[in-house]
């Protein structure tokens, strides 16, 4: 994920959290989902360094059990 892709993704996560909050019957869960949405929106305001982008790419691909990174290089 880079640039606008990351921002769009984080916005989608925020919307999903707000939808979960809307559906939550428990007020504490509703508050948790709203807080998570606020945090995702806050992340959209930050610029990520190329080094952090690469580290996140390697980490995410490792978590998904994929070999190498999105760029085709081994971690």
N, C-alpha and C. Protein backbone atom coordinates (compact mmCIF):
# COMPACT_ATOMS: atom_id res chain seq x y z
N UNK A 1 0.84 -1.18 0.00
CA UNK A 1 0.00 0.00 0.00
C UNK A 1 0.87 1.23 0.00
N UNK A 2 0.58 2.15 -0.87
CA UNK A 2 1.35 3.38 -0.88
C UNK A 2 0.43 4.56 -1.12
N UNK A 3 0.85 5.73 -0.63
CA UNK A 3 0.17 6.98 -0.91
C UNK A 3 -1.34 6.92 -0.76
N UNK A 4 -2.03 7.25 -1.83
CA UNK A 4 -3.49 7.30 -1.81
C UNK A 4 -4.12 5.94 -1.51
N UNK A 5 -3.47 4.87 -1.94
CA UNK A 5 -4.01 3.54 -1.66
C UNK A 5 -4.14 3.30 -0.16
N UNK A 6 -3.11 3.69 0.58
CA UNK A 6 -3.13 3.52 2.04
C UNK A 6 -4.24 4.39 2.65
N UNK A 7 -4.34 5.61 2.19
CA UNK A 7 -5.36 6.53 2.73
C UNK A 7 -6.75 5.96 2.45
N UNK A 8 -6.98 5.51 1.24
CA UNK A 8 -8.28 4.94 0.89
C UNK A 8 -8.60 3.71 1.74
N UNK A 9 -7.60 2.89 1.94
CA UNK A 9 -7.77 1.69 2.75
C UNK A 9 -8.12 2.06 4.19
N UNK A 10 -7.41 3.00 4.76
CA UNK A 10 -7.67 3.42 6.13
C UNK A 10 -9.06 4.04 6.26
N UNK A 11 -9.47 4.77 5.24
CA UNK A 11 -10.83 5.34 5.26
C UNK A 11 -11.88 4.24 5.23
N UNK A 12 -11.64 3.20 4.43
CA UNK A 12 -12.57 2.07 4.38
C UNK A 12 -12.65 1.39 5.75
N UNK A 13 -11.49 1.24 6.39
CA UNK A 13 -11.49 0.65 7.73
C UNK A 13 -12.30 1.50 8.70
N UNK A 14 -12.16 2.81 8.60
CA UNK A 14 -12.91 3.71 9.48
C UNK A 14 -14.41 3.56 9.25
N UNK A 15 -14.81 3.50 8.00
CA UNK A 15 -16.23 3.33 7.67
C UNK A 15 -16.74 2.00 8.22
N UNK A 16 -15.94 0.95 8.09
CA UNK A 16 -16.33 -0.36 8.61
C UNK A 16 -16.51 -0.31 10.12
N UNK A 17 -15.61 0.38 10.81
CA UNK A 17 -15.71 0.52 12.26
C UNK A 17 -16.98 1.27 12.65
N UNK A 18 -17.30 2.31 11.90
CA UNK A 18 -18.51 3.07 12.20
C UNK A 18 -19.76 2.23 11.94
N UNK A 19 -19.72 1.39 10.93
CA UNK A 19 -20.85 0.49 10.68
C UNK A 19 -21.00 -0.51 11.82
N UNK A 20 -19.88 -1.03 12.31
CA UNK A 20 -19.92 -1.93 13.46
C UNK A 20 -20.46 -1.21 14.69
N UNK A 21 -20.06 0.04 14.86
CA UNK A 21 -20.55 0.83 16.00
C UNK A 21 -22.06 1.03 15.89
N UNK A 22 -22.52 1.28 14.69
CA UNK A 22 -23.96 1.49 14.49
C UNK A 22 -24.75 0.24 14.85
N UNK A 23 -24.19 -0.93 14.57
CA UNK A 23 -24.87 -2.20 14.83
C UNK A 23 -24.70 -2.71 16.25
N UNK A 24 -23.70 -2.20 16.95
CA UNK A 24 -23.39 -2.71 18.29
C UNK A 24 -24.51 -2.38 19.27
N UNK A 25 -24.91 -3.38 20.04
CA UNK A 25 -25.93 -3.16 21.05
C UNK A 25 -25.33 -2.68 22.38
N UNK A 26 -24.11 -3.08 22.61
CA UNK A 26 -23.42 -2.75 23.85
C UNK A 26 -22.76 -1.38 23.71
N UNK A 27 -23.11 -0.42 24.60
CA UNK A 27 -22.51 0.91 24.50
C UNK A 27 -20.99 0.93 24.58
N UNK A 28 -20.39 0.03 25.35
CA UNK A 28 -18.93 0.02 25.45
C UNK A 28 -18.31 -0.46 24.12
N UNK A 29 -18.94 -1.40 23.45
CA UNK A 29 -18.45 -1.85 22.14
C UNK A 29 -18.64 -0.74 21.10
N UNK A 30 -19.76 -0.04 21.19
CA UNK A 30 -20.01 1.08 20.28
C UNK A 30 -18.90 2.12 20.42
N UNK A 31 -18.58 2.45 21.66
CA UNK A 31 -17.52 3.44 21.93
C UNK A 31 -16.17 2.95 21.41
N UNK A 32 -15.90 1.65 21.57
CA UNK A 32 -14.64 1.09 21.09
C UNK A 32 -14.54 1.22 19.56
N UNK A 33 -15.61 0.88 18.86
CA UNK A 33 -15.60 0.97 17.40
C UNK A 33 -15.45 2.41 16.91
N UNK A 34 -16.10 3.34 17.60
CA UNK A 34 -15.96 4.75 17.22
C UNK A 34 -14.52 5.21 17.44
N UNK A 35 -13.93 4.80 18.55
CA UNK A 35 -12.52 5.15 18.82
C UNK A 35 -11.60 4.55 17.75
N UNK A 36 -11.87 3.32 17.36
CA UNK A 36 -11.06 2.70 16.30
C UNK A 36 -11.21 3.48 15.00
N UNK A 37 -12.41 3.90 14.67
CA UNK A 37 -12.63 4.69 13.45
C UNK A 37 -11.86 6.00 13.52
N UNK A 38 -11.89 6.65 14.67
CA UNK A 38 -11.15 7.91 14.84
C UNK A 38 -9.66 7.68 14.64
N UNK A 39 -9.14 6.57 15.15
CA UNK A 39 -7.71 6.26 14.99
C UNK A 39 -7.37 6.00 13.53
N UNK A 40 -8.22 5.28 12.79
CA UNK A 40 -7.97 5.05 11.37
C UNK A 40 -7.95 6.38 10.61
N UNK A 41 -8.88 7.27 10.93
CA UNK A 41 -8.90 8.58 10.27
C UNK A 41 -7.64 9.37 10.61
N UNK A 42 -7.20 9.30 11.85
CA UNK A 42 -5.97 9.99 12.25
C UNK A 42 -4.78 9.48 11.44
N UNK A 43 -4.72 8.19 11.19
CA UNK A 43 -3.62 7.63 10.41
C UNK A 43 -3.60 8.15 8.97
N UNK A 44 -4.75 8.56 8.45
CA UNK A 44 -4.77 9.08 7.08
C UNK A 44 -4.02 10.40 6.97
N UNK A 45 -3.79 11.04 8.09
CA UNK A 45 -3.14 12.36 8.09
C UNK A 45 -1.61 12.26 8.13
N UNK A 46 -1.08 11.07 8.30
CA UNK A 46 0.36 10.89 8.47
C UNK A 46 1.03 10.46 7.18
N UNK A 47 2.18 10.99 6.95
CA UNK A 47 3.03 10.60 5.82
C UNK A 47 3.95 9.49 6.29
N UNK A 48 4.07 8.44 5.53
CA UNK A 48 4.93 7.33 5.90
C UNK A 48 6.22 7.40 5.09
N UNK A 49 7.34 7.16 5.76
CA UNK A 49 8.63 7.15 5.07
C UNK A 49 8.74 5.90 4.20
N UNK A 50 9.58 5.96 3.17
CA UNK A 50 9.79 4.77 2.33
C UNK A 50 10.27 3.56 3.13
N UNK A 51 11.08 3.80 4.16
CA UNK A 51 11.58 2.70 4.98
C UNK A 51 10.43 2.03 5.74
N UNK A 52 9.53 2.85 6.27
CA UNK A 52 8.38 2.28 6.98
C UNK A 52 7.47 1.56 6.01
N UNK A 53 7.26 2.12 4.83
CA UNK A 53 6.44 1.46 3.81
C UNK A 53 6.99 0.07 3.50
N UNK A 54 8.31 -0.03 3.31
CA UNK A 54 8.94 -1.31 3.00
C UNK A 54 8.79 -2.28 4.17
N UNK A 55 9.02 -1.81 5.38
CA UNK A 55 8.89 -2.66 6.55
C UNK A 55 7.46 -3.17 6.70
N UNK A 56 6.47 -2.31 6.47
CA UNK A 56 5.08 -2.72 6.54
C UNK A 56 4.75 -3.74 5.45
N UNK A 57 5.28 -3.52 4.27
CA UNK A 57 5.06 -4.44 3.16
C UNK A 57 5.60 -5.82 3.50
N UNK A 58 6.82 -5.89 3.99
CA UNK A 58 7.43 -7.17 4.34
C UNK A 58 6.64 -7.83 5.47
N UNK A 59 6.29 -7.06 6.49
CA UNK A 59 5.54 -7.59 7.63
C UNK A 59 4.19 -8.15 7.18
N UNK A 60 3.45 -7.38 6.38
CA UNK A 60 2.12 -7.81 5.94
C UNK A 60 2.19 -9.06 5.09
N UNK A 61 3.16 -9.13 4.21
CA UNK A 61 3.29 -10.32 3.38
C UNK A 61 3.71 -11.53 4.21
N UNK A 62 4.54 -11.30 5.22
CA UNK A 62 4.93 -12.38 6.11
C UNK A 62 3.71 -12.89 6.87
N UNK A 63 2.87 -11.98 7.36
CA UNK A 63 1.68 -12.35 8.11
C UNK A 63 0.71 -13.15 7.24
N UNK A 64 0.66 -12.82 5.96
CA UNK A 64 -0.24 -13.51 5.04
C UNK A 64 0.36 -14.81 4.52
N UNK A 65 1.62 -15.09 4.90
CA UNK A 65 2.27 -16.32 4.49
C UNK A 65 2.75 -16.30 3.06
N UNK A 66 2.91 -15.11 2.50
CA UNK A 66 3.39 -14.99 1.13
C UNK A 66 4.91 -14.94 1.13
N UNK A 67 5.51 -15.43 0.05
CA UNK A 67 6.96 -15.36 -0.08
C UNK A 67 7.33 -14.10 -0.80
N UNK A 68 8.33 -13.40 -0.28
CA UNK A 68 8.77 -12.15 -0.90
C UNK A 68 7.81 -11.03 -0.57
N UNK A 69 8.01 -9.90 -1.22
CA UNK A 69 7.15 -8.75 -0.99
C UNK A 69 6.35 -8.46 -2.24
N UNK A 70 5.53 -7.44 -2.18
CA UNK A 70 4.71 -7.06 -3.33
C UNK A 70 5.58 -6.68 -4.51
N UNK A 71 6.82 -6.32 -4.24
CA UNK A 71 7.73 -5.94 -5.31
C UNK A 71 8.44 -7.15 -5.90
N UNK A 72 8.18 -8.32 -5.33
CA UNK A 72 8.80 -9.52 -5.84
C UNK A 72 10.15 -9.84 -5.22
N UNK A 73 10.63 -9.01 -4.30
CA UNK A 73 11.91 -9.25 -3.64
C UNK A 73 11.68 -10.04 -2.37
N UNK A 74 12.60 -10.87 -2.04
CA UNK A 74 12.52 -11.61 -0.79
C UNK A 74 12.79 -10.65 0.36
N UNK A 75 12.12 -10.87 1.50
CA UNK A 75 12.33 -9.97 2.65
C UNK A 75 13.73 -10.03 3.20
